[in-house]
Amino acid sequence: MSVTIKTKDSQMYAFIKGEIDHHTVPSIREQIDDAVCDCGNVNTLVLDFGDVSFMDSSGVGLVMGRYRFITPMNIKLRVDNLSNRDYKIMRMSGIEKLAQINQKTESESK
């Protein structure tokens, strides 16, 4: 598991790679939260799941936790490149009420 953080304009992108489970979430959370705290001019945090190979319910907790963490800072949350399965999980959990969620497009999934 790895997280690559990039900032462009006023958006911070966290590109997550590998598995998201209860073993990896603490490290992912710490890296993202530290980056948000270190960068003062961000208005949107984008969690990119394009290279996530596996996600259990810990992924929902990761997203919900980042939402709770950034909301007091007036930062919006977006989750991009979800697989069909993970998109359905996020929708069933109600995440789309808190953040914009986007599936991988057909060309990205091939």
PDB file of N, CA and C in Angstrom:
ATOM      1  N   MET A   1       0.846  -1.171   0.000  1.00  0.00           N
ATOM      2  CA  MET A   1       0.000   0.000   0.000  1.00  0.00           C
ATOM      3  C   MET A   1       0.889   1.232   0.000  1.00  0.00           C
ATOM      4  N   SER A   2       0.495   2.212  -0.794  1.00  0.00           N
ATOM      5  CA  SER A   2       1.201   3.490  -0.792  1.00  0.00           C
ATOM      6  C   SER A   2       0.222   4.608  -1.118  1.00  0.00           C
ATOM      7  N   VAL A   3       0.590   5.789  -0.708  1.00  0.00           N
ATOM      8  CA  VAL A   3      -0.195   6.986  -1.003  1.00  0.00           C
ATOM      9  C   VAL A   3       0.754   8.016  -1.597  1.00  0.00           C
ATOM     10  N   THR A   4       0.372   8.567  -2.736  1.00  0.00           N
ATOM     11  CA  THR A   4       1.123   9.656  -3.349  1.00  0.00           C
ATOM     12  C   THR A   4       0.251  10.893  -3.275  1.00  0.00           C
ATOM     13  N   ILE A   5       0.782  11.950  -2.711  1.00  0.00           N
ATOM     14  CA  ILE A   5       0.043  13.195  -2.538  1.00  0.00           C
ATOM     15  C   ILE A   5       0.560  14.219  -3.531  1.00  0.00           C
ATOM     16  N   LYS A   6      -0.366  14.828  -4.255  1.00  0.00           N
ATOM     17  CA  LYS A   6      -0.015  15.905  -5.190  1.00  0.00           C
ATOM     18  C   LYS A   6      -1.031  17.029  -5.009  1.00  0.00           C
ATOM     19  N   THR A   7      -0.563  18.247  -5.163  1.00  0.00           N
ATOM     20  CA  THR A   7      -1.441  19.403  -5.066  1.00  0.00           C
ATOM     21  C   THR A   7      -1.391  20.160  -6.378  1.00  0.00           C
ATOM     22  N   LYS A   8      -2.584  20.494  -6.887  1.00  0.00           N
ATOM     23  CA  LYS A   8      -2.679  21.281  -8.111  1.00  0.00           C
ATOM     24  C   LYS A   8      -3.750  22.331  -7.870  1.00  0.00           C
ATOM     25  N   ASP A   9      -3.369  23.578  -8.101  1.00  0.00           N
ATOM     26  CA  ASP A   9      -4.251  24.709  -7.812  1.00  0.00           C
ATOM     27  C   ASP A   9      -4.686  24.605  -6.350  1.00  0.00           C
ATOM     28  N   SER A  10      -5.957  24.524  -6.085  1.00  0.00           N
ATOM     29  CA  SER A  10      -6.412  24.438  -4.692  1.00  0.00           C
ATOM     30  C   SER A  10      -6.966  23.052  -4.363  1.00  0.00           C
ATOM     31  N   GLN A  11      -6.544  22.053  -5.146  1.00  0.00           N
ATOM     32  CA  GLN A  11      -6.996  20.683  -4.905  1.00  0.00           C
ATOM     33  C   GLN A  11      -5.821  19.800  -4.508  1.00  0.00           C
ATOM     34  N   MET A  12      -6.043  18.990  -3.479  1.00  0.00           N
ATOM     35  CA  MET A  12      -5.039  18.014  -3.068  1.00  0.00           C
ATOM     36  C   MET A  12      -5.527  16.636  -3.488  1.00  0.00           C
ATOM     37  N   TYR A  13      -4.666  15.910  -4.185  1.00  0.00           N
ATOM     38  CA  TYR A  13      -4.980  14.569  -4.653  1.00  0.00           C
ATOM     39  C   TYR A  13      -4.184  13.559  -3.837  1.00  0.00           C
ATOM     40  N   ALA A  14      -4.884  12.561  -3.321  1.00  0.00           N
ATOM     41  CA  ALA A  14      -4.236  11.448  -2.626  1.00  0.00           C
ATOM     42  C   ALA A  14      -4.478  10.205  -3.479  1.00  0.00           C
ATOM     43  N   PHE A  15      -3.441   9.754  -4.171  1.00  0.00           N
ATOM     44  CA  PHE A  15      -3.523   8.577  -5.027  1.00  0.00           C
ATOM     45  C   PHE A  15      -3.172   7.354  -4.178  1.00  0.00           C
ATOM     46  N   ILE A  16      -4.177   6.527  -3.925  1.00  0.00           N
ATOM     47  CA  ILE A  16      -3.998   5.360  -3.068  1.00  0.00           C
ATOM     48  C   ILE A  16      -3.744   4.139  -3.943  1.00  0.00           C
ATOM     49  N   LYS A  17      -2.735   3.358  -3.575  1.00  0.00           N
ATOM     50  CA  LYS A  17      -2.375   2.178  -4.366  1.00  0.00           C
ATOM     51  C   LYS A  17      -2.281   0.972  -3.442  1.00  0.00           C
ATOM     52  N   GLY A  18      -2.891  -0.131  -3.874  1.00  0.00           N
ATOM     53  CA  GLY A  18      -2.805  -1.362  -3.100  1.00  0.00           C
ATOM     54  C   GLY A  18      -4.113  -1.677  -2.396  1.00  0.00           C
ATOM     55  N   GLU A  19      -4.001  -2.309  -1.240  1.00  0.00           N
ATOM     56  CA  GLU A  19      -5.170  -2.741  -0.492  1.00  0.00           C
ATOM     57  C   GLU A  19      -5.541  -1.743   0.597  1.00  0.00           C
ATOM     58  N   ILE A  20      -6.848  -1.595   0.797  1.00  0.00           N
ATOM     59  CA  ILE A  20      -7.351  -0.782   1.904  1.00  0.00           C
ATOM     60  C   ILE A  20      -8.080  -1.729   2.847  1.00  0.00           C
ATOM     61  N   ASP A  21      -7.451  -1.978   3.994  1.00  0.00           N
ATOM     62  CA  ASP A  21      -8.070  -2.812   5.015  1.00  0.00           C
ATOM     63  C   ASP A  21      -7.642  -2.290   6.387  1.00  0.00           C
ATOM     64  N   HIS A  22      -8.037  -2.996   7.437  1.00  0.00           N
ATOM     65  CA  HIS A  22      -7.761  -2.472   8.777  1.00  0.00           C
ATOM     66  C   HIS A  22      -6.267  -2.404   9.094  1.00  0.00           C
ATOM     67  N   HIS A  23      -5.442  -3.107   8.338  1.00  0.00           N
ATOM     68  CA  HIS A  23      -3.992  -3.042   8.553  1.00  0.00           C
ATOM     69  C   HIS A  23      -3.379  -1.809   7.899  1.00  0.00           C
ATOM     70  N   THR A  24      -3.911  -1.394   6.760  1.00  0.00           N
ATOM     71  CA  THR A  24      -3.295  -0.314   5.990  1.00  0.00           C
ATOM     72  C   THR A  24      -3.915   1.060   6.248  1.00  0.00           C
ATOM     73  N   VAL A  25      -5.154   1.094   6.736  1.00  0.00           N
ATOM     74  CA  VAL A  25      -5.851   2.373   6.910  1.00  0.00           C
ATOM     75  C   VAL A  25      -5.106   3.345   7.838  1.00  0.00           C
ATOM     76  N   PRO A  26      -4.538   2.906   8.968  1.00  0.00           N
ATOM     77  CA  PRO A  26      -3.860   3.897   9.821  1.00  0.00           C
ATOM     78  C   PRO A  26      -2.758   4.671   9.105  1.00  0.00           C
ATOM     79  N   SER A  27      -1.964   3.986   8.297  1.00  0.00           N
ATOM     80  CA  SER A  27      -0.892   4.650   7.565  1.00  0.00           C
ATOM     81  C   SER A  27      -1.454   5.592   6.494  1.00  0.00           C
ATOM     82  N   ILE A  28      -2.480   5.132   5.770  1.00  0.00           N
ATOM     83  CA  ILE A  28      -3.105   5.978   4.737  1.00  0.00           C
ATOM     84  C   ILE A  28      -3.670   7.237   5.384  1.00  0.00           C
ATOM     85  N   ARG A  29      -4.401   7.046   6.455  1.00  0.00           N
ATOM     86  CA  ARG A  29      -5.023   8.165   7.168  1.00  0.00           C
ATOM     87  C   ARG A  29      -3.966   9.173   7.622  1.00  0.00           C
ATOM     88  N   GLU A  30      -2.904   8.686   8.224  1.00  0.00           N
ATOM     89  CA  GLU A  30      -1.860   9.569   8.730  1.00  0.00           C
ATOM     90  C   GLU A  30      -1.210  10.377   7.607  1.00  0.00           C
ATOM     91  N   GLN A  31      -0.902   9.709   6.494  1.00  0.00           N
ATOM     92  CA  GLN A  31      -0.264  10.413   5.382  1.00  0.00           C
ATOM     93  C   GLN A  31      -1.164  11.504   4.805  1.00  0.00           C
ATOM     94  N   ILE A  32      -2.451  11.191   4.646  1.00  0.00           N
ATOM     95  CA  ILE A  32      -3.380  12.168   4.083  1.00  0.00           C
ATOM     96  C   ILE A  32      -3.594  13.324   5.049  1.00  0.00           C
ATOM     97  N   ASP A  33      -3.844  13.019   6.315  1.00  0.00           N
ATOM     98  CA  ASP A  33      -4.092  14.067   7.306  1.00  0.00           C
ATOM     99  C   ASP A  33      -2.887  14.979   7.475  1.00  0.00           C
ATOM    100  N   ASP A  34      -1.685  14.395   7.507  1.00  0.00           N
ATOM    101  CA  ASP A  34      -0.473  15.213   7.623  1.00  0.00           C
ATOM    102  C   ASP A  34      -0.326  16.150   6.430  1.00  0.00           C
ATOM    103  N   ALA A  35      -0.614  15.643   5.244  1.00  0.00           N
ATOM    104  CA  ALA A  35      -0.499  16.470   4.034  1.00  0.00           C
ATOM    105  C   ALA A  35      -1.509  17.612   4.065  1.00  0.00           C
ATOM    106  N   VAL A  36      -2.725  17.327   4.500  1.00  0.00           N
ATOM    107  CA  VAL A  36      -3.745  18.380   4.591  1.00  0.00           C
ATOM    108  C   VAL A  36      -3.305  19.454   5.578  1.00  0.00           C
ATOM    109  N   CYS A  37      -2.779  19.041   6.714  1.00  0.00           N
ATOM    110  CA  CYS A  37      -2.342  20.007   7.725  1.00  0.00           C
ATOM    111  C   CYS A  37      -1.152  20.839   7.249  1.00  0.00           C
ATOM    112  N   ASP A  38      -0.286  20.235   6.445  1.00  0.00           N
ATOM    113  CA  ASP A  38       0.911  20.932   5.967  1.00  0.00           C
ATOM    114  C   ASP A  38       0.632  21.901   4.824  1.00  0.00           C
ATOM    115  N   CYS A  39      -0.496  21.742   4.151  1.00  0.00           N
ATOM    116  CA  CYS A  39      -0.819  22.577   2.994  1.00  0.00           C
ATOM    117  C   CYS A  39      -2.000  23.467   3.355  1.00  0.00           C
ATOM    118  N   GLY A  40      -1.786  24.758   3.401  1.00  0.00           N
ATOM    119  CA  GLY A  40      -2.814  25.653   3.902  1.00  0.00           C
ATOM    120  C   GLY A  40      -3.858  26.136   2.916  1.00  0.00           C
ATOM    121  N   ASN A  41      -3.656  25.996   1.635  1.00  0.00           N
ATOM    122  CA  ASN A  41      -4.566  26.618   0.679  1.00  0.00           C
ATOM    123  C   ASN A  41      -5.356  25.600  -0.151  1.00  0.00           C
ATOM    124  N   VAL A  42      -5.846  24.561   0.480  1.00  0.00           N
ATOM    125  CA  VAL A  42      -6.588  23.516  -0.218  1.00  0.00           C
ATOM    126  C   VAL A  42      -8.075  23.711   0.043  1.00  0.00           C
ATOM    127  N   ASN A  43      -8.891  23.627  -1.028  1.00  0.00           N
ATOM    128  CA  ASN A  43     -10.340  23.688  -0.807  1.00  0.00           C
ATOM    129  C   ASN A  43     -11.045  22.380  -1.159  1.00  0.00           C
ATOM    130  N   THR A  44     -10.315  21.433  -1.791  1.00  0.00           N
ATOM    131  CA  THR A  44     -10.881  20.127  -2.114  1.00  0.00           C
ATOM    132  C   THR A  44      -9.823  19.051  -1.901  1.00  0.00           C
ATOM    133  N   LEU A  45     -10.220  17.979  -1.223  1.00  0.00           N
ATOM    134  CA  LEU A  45      -9.378  16.798  -1.091  1.00  0.00           C
ATOM    135  C   LEU A  45      -9.976  15.725  -1.983  1.00  0.00           C
ATOM    136  N   VAL A  46      -9.159  15.199  -2.895  1.00  0.00           N
ATOM    137  CA  VAL A  46      -9.596  14.162  -3.823  1.00  0.00           C
ATOM    138  C   VAL A  46      -8.888  12.865  -3.453  1.00  0.00           C
ATOM    139  N   LEU A  47      -9.673  11.864  -3.069  1.00  0.00           N
ATOM    140  CA  LEU A  47      -9.122  10.538  -2.803  1.00  0.00           C
ATOM    141  C   LEU A  47      -9.278   9.729  -4.084  1.00  0.00           C
ATOM    142  N   ASP A  48      -8.166   9.342  -4.683  1.00  0.00           N
ATOM    143  CA  ASP A  48      -8.200   8.613  -5.951  1.00  0.00           C
ATOM    144  C   ASP A  48      -7.984   7.124  -5.681  1.00  0.00           C
ATOM    145  N   PHE A  49      -9.018   6.324  -5.962  1.00  0.00           N
ATOM    146  CA  PHE A  49      -8.997   4.885  -5.720  1.00  0.00           C
ATOM    147  C   PHE A  49      -8.635   4.097  -6.981  1.00  0.00           C
ATOM    148  N   GLY A  50      -8.099   4.759  -7.995  1.00  0.00           N
ATOM    149  CA  GLY A  50      -7.831   4.115  -9.274  1.00  0.00           C
ATOM    150  C   GLY A  50      -6.901   2.915  -9.209  1.00  0.00           C
ATOM    151  N   ASP A  51      -5.976   2.893  -8.266  1.00  0.00           N
ATOM    152  CA  ASP A  51      -5.029   1.790  -8.143  1.00  0.00           C
ATOM    153  C   ASP A  51      -5.268   0.947  -6.896  1.00  0.00           C
ATOM    154  N   VAL A  52      -6.481   1.013  -6.359  1.00  0.00           N
ATOM    155  CA  VAL A  52      -6.825   0.174  -5.202  1.00  0.00           C
ATOM    156  C   VAL A  52      -7.202  -1.208  -5.706  1.00  0.00           C
ATOM    157  N   SER A  53      -6.507  -2.218  -5.214  1.00  0.00           N
ATOM    158  CA  SER A  53      -6.743  -3.592  -5.664  1.00  0.00           C
ATOM    159  C   SER A  53      -7.761  -4.324  -4.803  1.00  0.00           C
ATOM    160  N   PHE A  54      -7.962  -3.867  -3.572  1.00  0.00           N
ATOM    161  CA  PHE A  54      -8.920  -4.486  -2.653  1.00  0.00           C
ATOM    162  C   PHE A  54      -9.331  -3.451  -1.620  1.00  0.00           C
ATOM    163  N   MET A  55     -10.625  -3.471  -1.275  1.00  0.00           N
ATOM    164  CA  MET A  55     -11.111  -2.588  -0.224  1.00  0.00           C
ATOM    165  C   MET A  55     -12.161  -3.336   0.580  1.00  0.00           C
ATOM    166  N   ASP A  56     -12.019  -3.322   1.906  1.00  0.00           N
ATOM    167  CA  ASP A  56     -13.083  -3.846   2.756  1.00  0.00           C
ATOM    168  C   ASP A  56     -13.787  -2.651   3.404  1.00  0.00           C
ATOM    169  N   SER A  57     -14.569  -2.891   4.418  1.00  0.00           N
ATOM    170  CA  SER A  57     -15.336  -1.808   5.033  1.00  0.00           C
ATOM    171  C   SER A  57     -14.448  -0.718   5.628  1.00  0.00           C
ATOM    172  N   SER A  58     -13.186  -1.007   5.827  1.00  0.00           N
ATOM    173  CA  SER A  58     -12.254   0.007   6.326  1.00  0.00           C
ATOM    174  C   SER A  58     -12.128   1.177   5.356  1.00  0.00           C
ATOM    175  N   GLY A  59     -12.357   0.915   4.074  1.00  0.00           N
ATOM    176  CA  GLY A  59     -12.306   1.982   3.078  1.00  0.00           C
ATOM    177  C   GLY A  59     -13.407   3.001   3.294  1.00  0.00           C
ATOM    178  N   VAL A  60     -14.594   2.528   3.662  1.00  0.00           N
ATOM    179  CA  VAL A  60     -15.701   3.439   3.982  1.00  0.00           C
ATOM    180  C   VAL A  60     -15.327   4.270   5.200  1.00  0.00           C
ATOM    181  N   GLY A  61     -14.758   3.626   6.210  1.00  0.00           N
ATOM    182  CA  GLY A  61     -14.324   4.347   7.406  1.00  0.00           C
ATOM    183  C   GLY A  61     -13.254   5.379   7.102  1.00  0.00           C
ATOM    184  N   LEU A  62     -12.343   5.035   6.186  1.00  0.00           N
ATOM    185  CA  LEU A  62     -11.300   5.978   5.783  1.00  0.00           C
ATOM    186  C   LEU A  62     -11.917   7.227   5.180  1.00  0.00           C
ATOM    187  N   VAL A  63     -12.861   7.046   4.274  1.00  0.00           N
ATOM    188  CA  VAL A  63     -13.500   8.184   3.606  1.00  0.00           C
ATOM    189  C   VAL A  63     -14.301   9.006   4.619  1.00  0.00           C
ATOM    190  N   MET A  64     -15.091   8.340   5.447  1.00  0.00           N
ATOM    191  CA  MET A  64     -15.896   9.064   6.433  1.00  0.00           C
ATOM    192  C   MET A  64     -15.016   9.830   7.428  1.00  0.00           C
ATOM    193  N   GLY A  65     -13.920   9.219   7.824  1.00  0.00           N
ATOM    194  CA  GLY A  65     -12.998   9.890   8.735  1.00  0.00           C
ATOM    195  C   GLY A  65     -12.351  11.109   8.127  1.00  0.00           C
ATOM    196  N   ARG A  66     -11.973  11.016   6.834  1.00  0.00           N
ATOM    197  CA  ARG A  66     -11.375  12.182   6.183  1.00  0.00           C
ATOM    198  C   ARG A  66     -12.412  13.292   6.048  1.00  0.00           C
ATOM    199  N   TYR A  67     -13.676  12.920   5.795  1.00  0.00           N
ATOM    200  CA  TYR A  67     -14.749  13.909   5.724  1.00  0.00           C
ATOM    201  C   TYR A  67     -14.857  14.655   7.056  1.00  0.00           C
ATOM    202  N   ARG A  68     -14.897  13.912   8.150  1.00  0.00           N
ATOM    203  CA  ARG A  68     -15.001  14.544   9.474  1.00  0.00           C
ATOM    204  C   ARG A  68     -13.774  15.402   9.786  1.00  0.00           C
ATOM    205  N   PHE A  69     -12.613  14.978   9.312  1.00  0.00           N
ATOM    206  CA  PHE A  69     -11.380  15.701   9.579  1.00  0.00           C
ATOM    207  C   PHE A  69     -11.320  17.027   8.824  1.00  0.00           C
ATOM    208  N   ILE A  70     -11.743  17.036   7.557  1.00  0.00           N
ATOM    209  CA  ILE A  70     -11.564  18.230   6.725  1.00  0.00           C
ATOM    210  C   ILE A  70     -12.735  19.205   6.762  1.00  0.00           C
ATOM    211  N   THR A  71     -13.918  18.739   7.129  1.00  0.00           N
ATOM    212  CA  THR A  71     -15.092  19.613   7.118  1.00  0.00           C
ATOM    213  C   THR A  71     -14.911  20.872   7.972  1.00  0.00           C
ATOM    214  N   PRO A  72     -14.372  20.778   9.189  1.00  0.00           N
ATOM    215  CA  PRO A  72     -14.169  22.016   9.970  1.00  0.00           C
ATOM    216  C   PRO A  72     -13.208  23.008   9.311  1.00  0.00           C
ATOM    217  N   MET A  73     -12.401  22.543   8.366  1.00  0.00           N
ATOM    218  CA  MET A  73     -11.455  23.404   7.647  1.00  0.00           C
ATOM    219  C   MET A  73     -12.062  23.956   6.361  1.00  0.00           C
ATOM    220  N   ASN A  74     -13.358  23.718   6.149  1.00  0.00           N
ATOM    221  CA  ASN A  74     -14.053  24.143   4.933  1.00  0.00           C
ATOM    222  C   ASN A  74     -13.433  23.556   3.666  1.00  0.00           C
ATOM    223  N   ILE A  75     -13.020  22.303   3.763  1.00  0.00           N
ATOM    224  CA  ILE A  75     -12.473  21.586   2.626  1.00  0.00           C
ATOM    225  C   ILE A  75     -13.517  20.562   2.180  1.00  0.00           C
ATOM    226  N   LYS A  76     -13.748  20.513   0.876  1.00  0.00           N
ATOM    227  CA  LYS A  76     -14.698  19.539   0.319  1.00  0.00           C
ATOM    228  C   LYS A  76     -13.976  18.242  -0.005  1.00  0.00           C
ATOM    229  N   LEU A  77     -14.763  17.162  -0.086  1.00  0.00           N
ATOM    230  CA  LEU A  77     -14.200  15.843  -0.354  1.00  0.00           C
ATOM    231  C   LEU A  77     -14.775  15.276  -1.641  1.00  0.00           C
ATOM    232  N   ARG A  78     -13.896  14.660  -2.424  1.00  0.00           N
ATOM    233  CA  ARG A  78     -14.316  13.955  -3.636  1.00  0.00           C
ATOM    234  C   ARG A  78     -13.571  12.623  -3.690  1.00  0.00           C
ATOM    235  N   VAL A  79     -14.265  11.576  -4.112  1.00  0.00           N
ATOM    236  CA  VAL A  79     -13.659  10.252  -4.244  1.00  0.00           C
ATOM    237  C   VAL A  79     -13.758   9.858  -5.711  1.00  0.00           C
ATOM    238  N   ASP A  80     -12.625   9.629  -6.341  1.00  0.00           N
ATOM    239  CA  ASP A  80     -12.563   9.356  -7.778  1.00  0.00           C
ATOM    240  C   ASP A  80     -12.095   7.932  -8.071  1.00  0.00           C
ATOM    241  N   ASN A  81     -12.434   7.483  -9.277  1.00  0.00           N
ATOM    242  CA  ASN A  81     -11.936   6.238  -9.859  1.00  0.00           C
ATOM    243  C   ASN A  81     -12.249   4.992  -9.044  1.00  0.00           C
ATOM    244  N   LEU A  82     -13.457   4.944  -8.511  1.00  0.00           N
ATOM    245  CA  LEU A  82     -13.893   3.760  -7.784  1.00  0.00           C
ATOM    246  C   LEU A  82     -14.240   2.639  -8.757  1.00  0.00           C
ATOM    247  N   SER A  83     -13.878   1.416  -8.414  1.00  0.00           N
ATOM    248  CA  SER A  83     -14.321   0.267  -9.206  1.00  0.00           C
ATOM    249  C   SER A  83     -15.840   0.160  -9.066  1.00  0.00           C
ATOM    250  N   ASN A  84     -16.473  -0.603  -9.933  1.00  0.00           N
ATOM    251  CA  ASN A  84     -17.932  -0.776  -9.843  1.00  0.00           C
ATOM    252  C   ASN A  84     -18.333  -1.275  -8.466  1.00  0.00           C
ATOM    253  N   ARG A  85     -17.618  -2.265  -7.953  1.00  0.00           N
ATOM    254  CA  ARG A  85     -17.915  -2.844  -6.645  1.00  0.00           C
ATOM    255  C   ARG A  85     -17.778  -1.792  -5.538  1.00  0.00           C
ATOM    256  N   ASP A  86     -16.650  -1.080  -5.534  1.00  0.00           N
ATOM    257  CA  ASP A  86     -16.413  -0.092  -4.483  1.00  0.00           C
ATOM    258  C   ASP A  86     -17.364   1.096  -4.593  1.00  0.00           C
ATOM    259  N   TYR A  87     -17.747   1.447  -5.807  1.00  0.00           N
ATOM    260  CA  TYR A  87     -18.733   2.511  -6.000  1.00  0.00           C
ATOM    261  C   TYR A  87     -20.065   2.114  -5.356  1.00  0.00           C
ATOM    262  N   LYS A  88     -20.484   0.873  -5.576  1.00  0.00           N
ATOM    263  CA  LYS A  88     -21.734   0.403  -4.977  1.00  0.00           C
ATOM    264  C   LYS A  88     -21.650   0.403  -3.455  1.00  0.00           C
ATOM    265  N   ILE A  89     -20.518  -0.019  -2.928  1.00  0.00           N
ATOM    266  CA  ILE A  89     -20.334  -0.011  -1.473  1.00  0.00           C
ATOM    267  C   ILE A  89     -20.429   1.407  -0.927  1.00  0.00           C
ATOM    268  N   MET A  90     -19.781   2.346  -1.588  1.00  0.00           N
ATOM    269  CA  MET A  90     -19.819   3.741  -1.126  1.00  0.00           C
ATOM    270  C   MET A  90     -21.244   4.291  -1.194  1.00  0.00           C
ATOM    271  N   ARG A  91     -21.974   3.980  -2.251  1.00  0.00           N
ATOM    272  CA  ARG A  91     -23.353   4.448  -2.372  1.00  0.00           C
ATOM    273  C   ARG A  91     -24.228   3.846  -1.281  1.00  0.00           C
ATOM    274  N   MET A  92     -24.089   2.545  -1.045  1.00  0.00           N
ATOM    275  CA  MET A  92     -24.909   1.896  -0.009  1.00  0.00           C
ATOM    276  C   MET A  92     -24.600   2.435   1.383  1.00  0.00           C
ATOM    277  N   SER A  93     -23.381   2.877   1.598  1.00  0.00           N
ATOM    278  CA  SER A  93     -22.997   3.403   2.912  1.00  0.00           C
ATOM    279  C   SER A  93     -23.460   4.847   3.114  1.00  0.00           C
ATOM    280  N   GLY A  94     -23.928   5.493   2.050  1.00  0.00           N
ATOM    281  CA  GLY A  94     -24.385   6.875   2.156  1.00  0.00           C
ATOM    282  C   GLY A  94     -23.301   7.916   1.961  1.00  0.00           C
ATOM    283  N   ILE A  95     -22.125   7.500   1.538  1.00  0.00           N
ATOM    284  CA  ILE A  95     -21.017   8.441   1.341  1.00  0.00           C
ATOM    285  C   ILE A  95     -21.372   9.538   0.350  1.00  0.00           C
ATOM    286  N   GLU A  96     -22.203   9.219  -0.654  1.00  0.00           N
ATOM    287  CA  GLU A  96     -22.506  10.230  -1.666  1.00  0.00           C
ATOM    288  C   GLU A  96     -23.286  11.415  -1.096  1.00  0.00           C
ATOM    289  N   LYS A  97     -23.793  11.293   0.116  1.00  0.00           N
ATOM    290  CA  LYS A  97     -24.432  12.435   0.776  1.00  0.00           C
ATOM    291  C   LYS A  97     -23.389  13.384   1.362  1.00  0.00           C
ATOM    292  N   LEU A  98     -22.176  12.871   1.556  1.00  0.00           N
ATOM    293  CA  LEU A  98     -21.102  13.655   2.156  1.00  0.00           C
ATOM    294  C   LEU A  98     -20.084  14.146   1.130  1.00  0.00           C
ATOM    295  N   ALA A  99     -19.901  13.355   0.078  1.00  0.00           N
ATOM    296  CA  ALA A  99     -18.844  13.645  -0.882  1.00  0.00           C
ATOM    297  C   ALA A  99     -19.293  13.243  -2.275  1.00  0.00           C
ATOM    298  N   GLN A 100     -18.717  13.885  -3.259  1.00  0.00           N
ATOM    299  CA  GLN A 100     -18.943  13.475  -4.639  1.00  0.00           C
ATOM    300  C   GLN A 100     -18.156  12.191  -4.862  1.00  0.00           C
ATOM    301  N   ILE A 101     -18.811  11.154  -5.414  1.00  0.00           N
ATOM    302  CA  ILE A 101     -18.121   9.906  -5.712  1.00  0.00           C
ATOM    303  C   ILE A 101     -18.233   9.619  -7.203  1.00  0.00           C
ATOM    304  N   ASN A 102     -17.151   9.111  -7.777  1.00  0.00           N
ATOM    305  CA  ASN A 102     -17.090   8.877  -9.215  1.00  0.00           C
ATOM    306  C   ASN A 102     -16.485   7.517  -9.509  1.00  0.00           C
ATOM    307  N   GLN A 103     -17.130   6.782 -10.426  1.00  0.00           N
ATOM    308  CA  GLN A 103     -16.620   5.500 -10.878  1.00  0.00           C
ATOM    309  C   GLN A 103     -15.510   5.696 -11.886  1.00  0.00           C
ATOM    310  N   LYS A 104     -14.725   4.633 -12.076  1.00  0.00           N
ATOM    311  CA  LYS A 104     -13.781   4.612 -13.194  1.00  0.00           C
ATOM    312  C   LYS A 104     -14.582   4.606 -14.460  1.00  0.00           C
ATOM    313  N   THR A 105     -14.101   5.274 -15.483  1.00  0.00           N
ATOM    314  CA  THR A 105     -14.759   5.200 -16.782  1.00  0.00           C
ATOM    315  C   THR A 105     -14.334   3.911 -17.462  1.00  0.00           C
ATOM    316  N   GLU A 106     -15.053   3.505 -18.484  1.00  0.00           N
ATOM    317  CA  GLU A 106     -14.730   2.266 -19.189  1.00  0.00           C
ATOM    318  C   GLU A 106     -13.297   2.232 -19.688  1.00  0.00           C
ATOM    319  N   SER A 107     -12.815   3.345 -20.237  1.00  0.00           N
ATOM    320  CA  SER A 107     -11.449   3.364 -20.775  1.00  0.00           C
ATOM    321  C   SER A 107     -10.404   3.235 -19.661  1.00  0.00           C
ATOM    322  N   GLU A 108     -10.730   3.719 -18.440  1.00  0.00           N
ATOM    323  CA  GLU A 108      -9.786   3.620 -17.330  1.00  0.00           C
ATOM    324  C   GLU A 108      -9.773   2.223 -16.750  1.00  0.00           C
ATOM    325  N   SER A 109     -10.884   1.459 -16.865  1.00  0.00           N
ATOM    326  CA  SER A 109     -10.910   0.140 -16.257  1.00  0.00           C
ATOM    327  C   SER A 109     -10.254  -0.933 -17.106  1.00  0.00           C
ATOM    328  N   LYS A 110      -9.884  -0.618 -18.320  1.00  0.00           N
ATOM    329  CA  LYS A 110      -9.276  -1.637 -19.202  1.00  0.00           C
ATOM    330  C   LYS A 110      -7.774  -1.586 -19.127  1.00  0.00           C
TER     331      LYS A 110
END
